[in-house]
Amino acid sequence: MHNIKIIIAEDEPDVLGIMVKKIAAAGYEVIGVSDGNAAWEAIQKEDPDMVLLDLTMPGLHGFEVLEHLRKTPPSEKYCPVIIVSAHDELDQIRKGFELNAEHYLTKPCSTEEILKSIELVFSLIKNKNF
């Protein structure tokens, strides 16, 4: 339906499973990974259209993954990032935006909220080589 590839990086298996299932059901191609190292590897290999990124994961922290993506993107195509994290402290949210995340959702949140955020971000960045 969408022909849009999204990587979801989330270390909680149940949460990852639900997110992958619901977002795929909305018509997106979804790749789920459960740690920061796997997230960075998948980004380099898959060149996704978007990344949904948890912050506190084994391996690379979500902010490190975001920094790598912004400094050394896998292609010239722009890749938006939505942080989905239980960290709701203002300094964490600020840091996410300073590292050029497009959006920051705090957990708990519904998959409907995540899907609305995906659509919103894509509508706002459609002029960035997407």
C-alpha atoms as a PDB file:
ATOM      1  CA  MET A   1       0.000   0.000   0.000  1.00  0.00           C
ATOM      2  CA  HIS A   2       2.548   2.582   1.136  1.00  0.00           C
ATOM      3  CA  ASN A   3       5.808   1.049  -0.239  1.00  0.00           C
ATOM      4  CA  ILE A   4       7.489   2.683   2.735  1.00  0.00           C
ATOM      5  CA  LYS A   5      10.106   0.836   4.787  1.00  0.00           C
ATOM      6  CA  ILE A   6      10.209   1.537   8.529  1.00  0.00           C
ATOM      7  CA  ILE A   7      12.745   0.174  11.012  1.00  0.00           C
ATOM      8  CA  ILE A   8      11.467  -0.163  14.563  1.00  0.00           C
ATOM      9  CA  ALA A   9      14.146  -0.348  17.258  1.00  0.00           C
ATOM     10  CA  GLU A  10      12.636  -1.453  20.573  1.00  0.00           C
ATOM     11  CA  ASP A  11      14.204  -3.729  23.210  1.00  0.00           C
ATOM     12  CA  GLU A  12      10.961  -4.894  24.854  1.00  0.00           C
ATOM     13  CA  PRO A  13       9.918  -7.997  22.843  1.00  0.00           C
ATOM     14  CA  ASP A  14       6.171  -7.655  23.524  1.00  0.00           C
ATOM     15  CA  VAL A  15       6.133  -3.966  22.604  1.00  0.00           C
ATOM     16  CA  LEU A  16       8.230  -4.608  19.490  1.00  0.00           C
ATOM     17  CA  GLY A  17       5.911  -7.426  18.403  1.00  0.00           C
ATOM     18  CA  ILE A  18       2.793  -5.298  18.751  1.00  0.00           C
ATOM     19  CA  MET A  19       4.351  -2.314  16.975  1.00  0.00           C
ATOM     20  CA  VAL A  20       5.626  -4.441  14.076  1.00  0.00           C
ATOM     21  CA  LYS A  21       2.253  -6.164  13.657  1.00  0.00           C
ATOM     22  CA  LYS A  22       0.096  -3.019  13.814  1.00  0.00           C
ATOM     23  CA  ILE A  23       2.334  -0.846  11.634  1.00  0.00           C
ATOM     24  CA  ALA A  24       2.701  -3.619   9.048  1.00  0.00           C
ATOM     25  CA  ALA A  25      -1.096  -4.037   9.091  1.00  0.00           C
ATOM     26  CA  ALA A  26      -1.333  -0.348   8.141  1.00  0.00           C
ATOM     27  CA  GLY A  27       0.524  -1.187   4.920  1.00  0.00           C
ATOM     28  CA  TYR A  28       4.129  -0.378   5.760  1.00  0.00           C
ATOM     29  CA  GLU A  29       7.110  -2.669   5.228  1.00  0.00           C
ATOM     30  CA  VAL A  30       8.458  -3.112   8.754  1.00  0.00           C
ATOM     31  CA  ILE A  31      11.764  -4.407  10.098  1.00  0.00           C
ATOM     32  CA  GLY A  32      11.958  -4.902  13.846  1.00  0.00           C
ATOM     33  CA  VAL A  33      15.225  -4.917  15.782  1.00  0.00           C
ATOM     34  CA  SER A  34      15.795  -5.233  19.510  1.00  0.00           C
ATOM     35  CA  ASP A  35      19.019  -3.358  20.245  1.00  0.00           C
ATOM     36  CA  GLY A  36      20.970  -0.310  19.175  1.00  0.00           C
ATOM     37  CA  ASN A  37      23.703  -2.183  17.313  1.00  0.00           C
ATOM     38  CA  ALA A  38      21.129  -4.099  15.267  1.00  0.00           C
ATOM     39  CA  ALA A  39      19.310  -0.818  14.604  1.00  0.00           C
ATOM     40  CA  TRP A  40      22.420   0.820  13.137  1.00  0.00           C
ATOM     41  CA  GLU A  41      23.244  -2.290  11.091  1.00  0.00           C
ATOM     42  CA  ALA A  42      19.680  -2.448   9.725  1.00  0.00           C
ATOM     43  CA  ILE A  43      19.721   1.267   8.866  1.00  0.00           C
ATOM     44  CA  GLN A  44      22.936   0.837   6.875  1.00  0.00           C
ATOM     45  CA  LYS A  45      21.726  -2.312   5.117  1.00  0.00           C
ATOM     46  CA  GLU A  46      18.078  -1.427   4.489  1.00  0.00           C
ATOM     47  CA  ASP A  47      18.244   2.360   3.894  1.00  0.00           C
ATOM     48  CA  PRO A  48      14.785   2.840   5.467  1.00  0.00           C
ATOM     49  CA  ASP A  49      12.279   5.605   4.828  1.00  0.00           C
ATOM     50  CA  MET A  50      11.797   6.136   8.582  1.00  0.00           C
ATOM     51  CA  VAL A  51      13.107   4.886  11.927  1.00  0.00           C
ATOM     52  CA  LEU A  52      11.082   4.521  15.123  1.00  0.00           C
ATOM     53  CA  LEU A  53      13.716   4.595  17.825  1.00  0.00           C
ATOM     54  CA  ASP A  54      13.660   3.664  21.489  1.00  0.00           C
ATOM     55  CA  LEU A  55      16.406   5.296  23.552  1.00  0.00           C
ATOM     56  CA  THR A  56      17.452   2.867  26.272  1.00  0.00           C
ATOM     57  CA  MET A  57      18.457  -0.356  24.516  1.00  0.00           C
ATOM     58  CA  PRO A  58      21.333  -2.826  24.766  1.00  0.00           C
ATOM     59  CA  GLY A  59      24.320  -1.935  22.595  1.00  0.00           C
ATOM     60  CA  LEU A  60      24.164   1.553  21.155  1.00  0.00           C
ATOM     61  CA  HIS A  61      21.876   4.015  22.938  1.00  0.00           C
ATOM     62  CA  GLY A  62      19.127   5.442  20.743  1.00  0.00           C
ATOM     63  CA  PHE A  63      20.818   8.845  20.726  1.00  0.00           C
ATOM     64  CA  GLU A  64      24.014   7.213  19.428  1.00  0.00           C
ATOM     65  CA  VAL A  65      22.059   5.549  16.620  1.00  0.00           C
ATOM     66  CA  LEU A  66      20.486   8.907  15.748  1.00  0.00           C
ATOM     67  CA  GLU A  67      23.890  10.633  15.773  1.00  0.00           C
ATOM     68  CA  HIS A  68      25.335   7.970  13.441  1.00  0.00           C
ATOM     69  CA  LEU A  69      22.376   8.326  11.098  1.00  0.00           C
ATOM     70  CA  ARG A  70      22.656  12.099  10.894  1.00  0.00           C
ATOM     71  CA  LYS A  71      26.466  12.113  10.517  1.00  0.00           C
ATOM     72  CA  THR A  72      26.794   9.159   8.123  1.00  0.00           C
ATOM     73  CA  PRO A  73      23.457   8.450   6.421  1.00  0.00           C
ATOM     74  CA  PRO A  74      23.330   5.271   4.307  1.00  0.00           C
ATOM     75  CA  SER A  75      22.275   7.248   1.230  1.00  0.00           C
ATOM     76  CA  GLU A  76      21.352  10.728   0.060  1.00  0.00           C
ATOM     77  CA  LYS A  77      17.708   9.997   0.857  1.00  0.00           C
ATOM     78  CA  TYR A  78      16.574  11.786   4.005  1.00  0.00           C
ATOM     79  CA  CYS A  79      15.458   9.440   6.805  1.00  0.00           C
ATOM     80  CA  PRO A  80      13.129  10.890   9.450  1.00  0.00           C
ATOM     81  CA  VAL A  81      13.280   9.565  13.004  1.00  0.00           C
ATOM     82  CA  ILE A  82      10.529   9.363  15.594  1.00  0.00           C
ATOM     83  CA  ILE A  83      11.798   8.673  19.088  1.00  0.00           C
ATOM     84  CA  VAL A  84       9.400   6.473  21.081  1.00  0.00           C
ATOM     85  CA  SER A  85      10.678   6.365  24.645  1.00  0.00           C
ATOM     86  CA  ALA A  86       9.626   6.142  28.281  1.00  0.00           C
ATOM     87  CA  HIS A  87      12.056   9.007  28.963  1.00  0.00           C
ATOM     88  CA  ASP A  88       9.755  11.970  29.386  1.00  0.00           C
ATOM     89  CA  GLU A  89      12.291  14.332  30.970  1.00  0.00           C
ATOM     90  CA  LEU A  90      12.554  17.675  29.212  1.00  0.00           C
ATOM     91  CA  ASP A  91      16.352  17.382  28.776  1.00  0.00           C
ATOM     92  CA  GLN A  92      15.934  14.041  26.975  1.00  0.00           C
ATOM     93  CA  ILE A  93      13.253  15.459  24.680  1.00  0.00           C
ATOM     94  CA  ARG A  94      15.434  18.511  23.957  1.00  0.00           C
ATOM     95  CA  LYS A  95      18.408  16.303  23.165  1.00  0.00           C
ATOM     96  CA  GLY A  96      16.302  14.296  20.716  1.00  0.00           C
ATOM     97  CA  PHE A  97      15.364  17.437  18.846  1.00  0.00           C
ATOM     98  CA  GLU A  98      18.927  18.803  19.012  1.00  0.00           C
ATOM     99  CA  LEU A  99      20.036  15.602  17.264  1.00  0.00           C
ATOM    100  CA  ASN A 100      17.403  16.287  14.591  1.00  0.00           C
ATOM    101  CA  ALA A 101      14.710  13.781  15.456  1.00  0.00           C
ATOM    102  CA  GLU A 102      11.483  14.809  13.739  1.00  0.00           C
ATOM    103  CA  HIS A 103       9.172  13.807  16.570  1.00  0.00           C
ATOM    104  CA  TYR A 104       9.310  12.488  20.141  1.00  0.00           C
ATOM    105  CA  LEU A 105       6.572  10.304  21.617  1.00  0.00           C
ATOM    106  CA  THR A 106       6.587   9.290  25.256  1.00  0.00           C
ATOM    107  CA  LYS A 107       5.529   5.826  26.384  1.00  0.00           C
ATOM    108  CA  PRO A 108       3.055   4.618  27.105  1.00  0.00           C
ATOM    109  CA  CYS A 109       1.454   5.525  23.809  1.00  0.00           C
ATOM    110  CA  SER A 110      -0.910   3.677  21.530  1.00  0.00           C
ATOM    111  CA  THR A 111      -0.046   2.276  18.134  1.00  0.00           C
ATOM    112  CA  GLU A 112      -2.742   4.607  16.784  1.00  0.00           C
ATOM    113  CA  GLU A 113      -0.740   7.575  18.102  1.00  0.00           C
ATOM    114  CA  ILE A 114       2.399   6.157  16.497  1.00  0.00           C
ATOM    115  CA  LEU A 115       0.621   5.669  13.156  1.00  0.00           C
ATOM    116  CA  LYS A 116      -0.719   9.242  13.263  1.00  0.00           C
ATOM    117  CA  SER A 117       2.809  10.474  13.984  1.00  0.00           C
ATOM    118  CA  ILE A 118       4.207   8.491  11.049  1.00  0.00           C
ATOM    119  CA  GLU A 119       1.668  10.054   8.687  1.00  0.00           C
ATOM    120  CA  LEU A 120       2.262  13.525  10.138  1.00  0.00           C
ATOM    121  CA  VAL A 121       6.034  13.337   9.786  1.00  0.00           C
ATOM    122  CA  PHE A 122       5.821  12.040   6.221  1.00  0.00           C
ATOM    123  CA  SER A 123       3.411  14.823   5.295  1.00  0.00           C
ATOM    124  CA  LEU A 124       5.754  17.442   6.754  1.00  0.00           C
ATOM    125  CA  ILE A 125       8.938  16.193   5.081  1.00  0.00           C
ATOM    126  CA  LYS A 126       7.691  15.220   1.643  1.00  0.00           C
ATOM    127  CA  ASN A 127      10.038  17.769   0.084  1.00  0.00           C
ATOM    128  CA  LYS A 128      13.192  16.189   1.582  1.00  0.00           C
ATOM    129  CA  ASN A 129      14.053  13.737  -1.252  1.00  0.00           C
ATOM    130  CA  PHE A 130      11.347  11.347  -0.166  1.00  0.00           C
END
